[in-house]
């Protein structure tokens, strides 16, 4: 049923990776949430999902812009439970950076891996960033009104947790390999988006990226027709 009040979004930053500007990202994504029609709060730290305070518990959708740092297993599981109960999750760029154990995933990060649907592997061969073309490959509320576009951004390659994703946008590597950069998935009664783009302002400032973030928040919150109507 329609929201009876202004929907709420929470932009969460966390991490200790000096190569990502978490503070600027928090401001940018808060602005995009506000532009999409959400009452948008920015927050630092992921130790907020077990026994959540009202500002966390009342959010309709969470946007994670994280880059390493500690994300306790029990907090990951509490977030997963909240999303599967009906909340939305938008993971941007380094939100898929998880721990390693030997050559595989650290078991401590399995709840987030299974919820978000992927984990970062590398930048791929060659340069870690560059100008490239983003191809829109699906007709979906998140990609509505968008066509292929070019931008300068960091390259991310990742391992999917499963095949239960709808790829919405992709790029081609120099060797022709197709790499997804945006997908949607469902998790119980909730919705999840992952956007690999978004390293810094060179990406955040691009109108198509900003539109993708706004429309991802709306779709994840079940408001793909706008904040006045629409439901899961």
Protein backbone atom coordinates (compact mmCIF):
# COMPACT_ATOMS: atom_id res chain seq x y z
CA UNK A 1 0.00 0.00 0.00
CA UNK A 2 1.17 3.59 -0.52
CA UNK A 3 3.38 5.29 2.06
CA UNK A 4 1.28 7.54 4.30
CA UNK A 5 4.24 9.78 5.16
CA UNK A 6 7.55 10.82 3.69
CA UNK A 7 9.68 7.71 3.11
CA UNK A 8 13.01 7.55 4.91
CA UNK A 9 16.47 6.67 3.65
CA UNK A 10 19.71 6.23 5.57
CA UNK A 11 23.10 6.67 3.89
CA UNK A 12 25.66 4.65 5.85
CA UNK A 13 29.40 5.08 5.41
CA UNK A 14 32.02 2.95 7.11
CA UNK A 15 35.59 1.88 6.56
CA UNK A 16 39.30 2.48 6.86
CA UNK A 17 40.30 2.50 3.17
CA UNK A 18 42.05 5.83 2.55
CA UNK A 19 41.38 5.58 -1.20
CA UNK A 20 37.64 6.30 -0.76
CA UNK A 21 36.30 9.67 0.39
CA UNK A 22 33.60 8.49 2.77
CA UNK A 23 32.78 11.94 4.13
CA UNK A 24 32.13 13.52 0.73
CA UNK A 25 30.21 10.42 -0.35
CA UNK A 26 27.89 10.76 2.64
CA UNK A 27 26.99 14.31 1.60
CA UNK A 28 26.52 13.42 -2.08
CA UNK A 29 24.30 10.41 -1.48
CA UNK A 30 22.27 12.22 1.17
CA UNK A 31 21.57 14.90 -1.42
CA UNK A 32 20.53 12.28 -3.97
CA UNK A 33 18.21 10.64 -1.47
CA UNK A 34 16.62 14.01 -0.76
CA UNK A 35 16.23 14.67 -4.49
CA UNK A 36 14.45 11.31 -4.81
CA UNK A 37 11.90 12.41 -2.21
CA UNK A 38 13.24 10.71 0.91
CA UNK A 39 13.84 12.22 4.31
CA UNK A 40 17.50 11.19 4.18
CA UNK A 41 19.84 10.80 7.12
CA UNK A 42 23.58 10.15 6.84
CA UNK A 43 25.28 7.94 9.39
CA UNK A 44 28.72 6.57 10.20
CA UNK A 45 29.29 2.95 11.21
CA UNK A 46 27.59 -0.41 10.75
CA UNK A 47 27.10 -1.34 14.41
CA UNK A 48 23.48 -0.22 14.26
CA UNK A 49 21.30 -3.08 13.05
CA UNK A 50 21.01 -5.26 16.15
CA UNK A 51 18.60 -3.64 18.63
CA UNK A 52 18.46 -0.62 16.31
CA UNK A 53 17.82 2.94 17.43
CA UNK A 54 14.69 4.56 15.91
CA UNK A 55 16.61 6.43 13.19
CA UNK A 56 17.92 3.11 11.87
CA UNK A 57 14.82 1.01 12.51
CA UNK A 58 12.50 3.49 10.79
CA UNK A 59 14.45 3.76 7.52
CA UNK A 60 12.71 2.29 4.48
CA UNK A 61 15.94 1.87 2.54
CA UNK A 62 19.64 1.82 3.40
CA UNK A 63 22.41 2.95 1.06
CA UNK A 64 25.81 1.50 1.93
CA UNK A 65 28.92 3.34 0.76
CA UNK A 66 31.53 1.41 2.69
CA UNK A 67 35.20 0.67 2.12
CA UNK A 68 36.57 -2.01 4.39
CA UNK A 69 36.33 -1.52 8.14
CA UNK A 70 34.67 -3.81 10.65
CA UNK A 71 31.14 -5.03 9.93
CA UNK A 72 30.36 -7.62 12.58
CA UNK A 73 28.69 -10.84 11.45
CA UNK A 74 25.74 -10.35 13.80
CA UNK A 75 25.23 -6.84 12.40
CA UNK A 76 25.30 -8.20 8.84
CA UNK A 77 22.72 -10.81 9.79
CA UNK A 78 20.47 -8.23 11.42
CA UNK A 79 20.64 -6.10 8.26
CA UNK A 80 19.85 -9.15 6.14
CA UNK A 81 16.87 -9.99 8.35
CA UNK A 82 15.57 -6.42 8.07
CA UNK A 83 15.85 -6.42 4.27
CA UNK A 84 14.23 -9.83 3.94
CA UNK A 85 11.39 -8.51 6.09
CA UNK A 86 10.75 -5.73 3.57
CA UNK A 87 13.36 -2.98 3.73
CA UNK A 88 15.50 -1.96 0.76
CA UNK A 89 19.27 -2.00 0.33
CA UNK A 90 21.39 -0.13 -2.21
CA UNK A 91 25.07 -1.09 -2.15
CA UNK A 92 27.39 1.31 -3.97
CA UNK A 93 30.94 0.66 -5.17
CA UNK A 94 33.05 -0.59 -2.23
CA UNK A 95 30.06 -1.93 -0.31
CA UNK A 96 31.12 -5.31 -1.74
CA UNK A 97 34.62 -5.24 -0.19
CA UNK A 98 34.73 -8.22 2.17
CA UNK A 99 37.31 -10.24 4.02
CA UNK A 100 39.33 -13.13 2.66
CA UNK A 101 40.21 -16.45 4.23
CA UNK A 102 42.86 -18.12 2.12
CA UNK A 103 41.61 -17.90 -1.46
CA UNK A 104 37.95 -17.55 -0.54
CA UNK A 105 35.42 -15.52 1.40
CA UNK A 106 35.91 -15.00 5.12
CA UNK A 107 32.94 -16.88 6.68
CA UNK A 108 32.37 -13.87 8.95
CA UNK A 109 31.14 -11.93 5.89
CA UNK A 110 28.81 -14.59 4.51
CA UNK A 111 25.54 -12.88 5.60
CA UNK A 112 26.46 -9.72 3.68
CA UNK A 113 27.74 -11.70 0.69
CA UNK A 114 24.49 -13.64 0.42
CA UNK A 115 22.36 -10.50 0.88
CA UNK A 116 24.22 -8.08 -1.40
CA UNK A 117 24.92 -10.87 -3.86
CA UNK A 118 28.60 -10.32 -4.67
CA UNK A 119 32.06 -9.63 -3.31
CA UNK A 120 34.89 -7.58 -4.77
CA UNK A 121 37.70 -9.50 -6.44
CA UNK A 122 39.91 -6.97 -8.23
CA UNK A 123 40.11 -4.05 -10.64
CA UNK A 124 40.77 -6.51 -13.44
CA UNK A 125 43.69 -6.41 -15.86
CA UNK A 126 45.46 -3.23 -16.81
CA UNK A 127 44.70 0.18 -15.33
CA UNK A 128 42.46 0.32 -12.27
CA UNK A 129 40.42 3.22 -13.65
CA UNK A 130 39.63 4.94 -16.93
CA UNK A 131 36.99 6.32 -19.24
CA UNK A 132 34.57 3.69 -20.49
CA UNK A 133 31.07 3.15 -21.83
CA UNK A 134 28.23 1.96 -19.62
CA UNK A 135 25.63 -0.01 -21.57
CA UNK A 136 22.04 -0.09 -20.31
CA UNK A 137 20.86 -3.64 -20.98
CA UNK A 138 17.46 -3.94 -19.28
CA UNK A 139 14.17 -2.07 -19.26
CA UNK A 140 13.64 -1.58 -15.54
CA UNK A 141 12.44 1.18 -13.19
CA UNK A 142 16.04 1.79 -12.13
CA UNK A 143 17.17 2.45 -15.72
CA UNK A 144 14.05 4.31 -16.84
CA UNK A 145 14.88 7.25 -19.10
CA UNK A 146 18.56 6.32 -19.44
CA UNK A 147 20.61 5.30 -22.45
CA UNK A 148 24.24 4.21 -22.78
CA UNK A 149 26.70 6.76 -21.42
CA UNK A 150 30.41 7.32 -20.88
CA UNK A 151 32.20 8.19 -17.67
CA UNK A 152 35.55 8.08 -15.91
CA UNK A 153 35.46 5.67 -12.99
CA UNK A 154 37.26 2.88 -11.21
CA UNK A 155 36.90 -0.64 -12.60
CA UNK A 156 35.42 -3.27 -10.30
CA UNK A 157 35.17 -6.99 -10.93
CA UNK A 158 33.42 -9.30 -8.51
CA UNK A 159 32.18 -12.79 -7.73
CA UNK A 160 28.41 -13.30 -7.63
CA UNK A 161 26.92 -15.20 -4.72
CA UNK A 162 24.35 -16.80 -7.04
CA UNK A 163 22.63 -16.29 -10.39
CA UNK A 164 19.52 -14.69 -8.88
CA UNK A 165 20.27 -11.22 -10.25
CA UNK A 166 18.91 -9.09 -13.07
CA UNK A 167 21.80 -7.26 -14.72
CA UNK A 168 20.73 -3.75 -15.65
CA UNK A 169 23.98 -2.25 -16.95
CA UNK A 170 27.39 -3.52 -18.04
CA UNK A 171 30.70 -2.54 -19.57
CA UNK A 172 33.15 -4.23 -21.92
CA UNK A 173 36.72 -4.78 -20.83
CA UNK A 174 39.50 -4.01 -23.32
CA UNK A 175 39.74 -7.74 -24.08
CA UNK A 176 36.01 -7.92 -24.82
CA UNK A 177 34.96 -9.53 -21.53
CA UNK A 178 31.52 -8.33 -20.39
CA UNK A 179 31.47 -7.05 -16.80
CA UNK A 180 28.19 -6.17 -15.01
CA UNK A 181 28.12 -2.82 -13.22
CA UNK A 182 24.53 -2.72 -11.94
CA UNK A 183 22.07 -5.42 -10.95
CA UNK A 184 18.82 -5.85 -9.04
CA UNK A 185 17.75 -8.78 -6.88
CA UNK A 186 15.04 -9.64 -4.41
CA UNK A 187 15.64 -10.87 -0.87
CA UNK A 188 12.51 -12.22 0.76
CA UNK A 189 10.08 -9.30 0.93
CA UNK A 190 12.89 -6.80 0.31
CA UNK A 191 14.84 -5.51 -2.64
CA UNK A 192 18.56 -5.12 -3.24
CA UNK A 193 20.54 -3.08 -5.80
CA UNK A 194 24.28 -3.14 -6.34
CA UNK A 195 26.01 -0.39 -8.34
CA UNK A 196 29.73 -0.90 -8.99
CA UNK A 197 30.17 2.69 -10.19
CA UNK A 198 30.90 5.56 -7.83
CA UNK A 199 34.54 5.85 -6.82
CA UNK A 200 34.61 9.64 -6.50
CA UNK A 201 33.11 12.91 -7.73
CA UNK A 202 34.15 12.18 -11.32
CA UNK A 203 31.43 9.52 -11.18
CA UNK A 204 29.06 11.04 -8.60
CA UNK A 205 28.80 14.22 -10.65
CA UNK A 206 27.62 12.47 -13.83
CA UNK A 207 23.86 12.96 -14.37
CA UNK A 208 23.26 9.31 -15.42
CA UNK A 209 24.96 8.00 -12.27
CA UNK A 210 22.96 10.37 -10.11
CA UNK A 211 19.75 9.24 -11.83
CA UNK A 212 20.67 5.59 -11.27
CA UNK A 213 21.19 6.21 -7.56
CA UNK A 214 17.90 8.08 -7.15
CA UNK A 215 15.94 5.46 -9.06
CA UNK A 216 17.72 2.64 -7.20
CA UNK A 217 16.61 4.09 -3.88
CA UNK A 218 13.04 4.41 -5.09
CA UNK A 219 12.90 0.88 -6.49
CA UNK A 220 14.55 -0.67 -3.43
CA UNK A 221 11.99 1.09 -1.22
CA UNK A 222 9.11 -0.15 -3.39
CA UNK A 223 8.44 3.34 -4.73
CA UNK A 224 9.44 2.94 -8.36
CA UNK A 225 6.49 5.11 -9.45
CA UNK A 226 7.59 7.94 -7.17
CA UNK A 227 7.24 8.76 -3.50
CA UNK A 228 3.53 9.39 -3.74
CA UNK A 229 2.57 5.92 -4.91
CA UNK A 230 3.84 2.45 -5.53
CA UNK A 231 4.56 -0.46 -3.28
CA UNK A 232 6.34 -3.73 -3.32
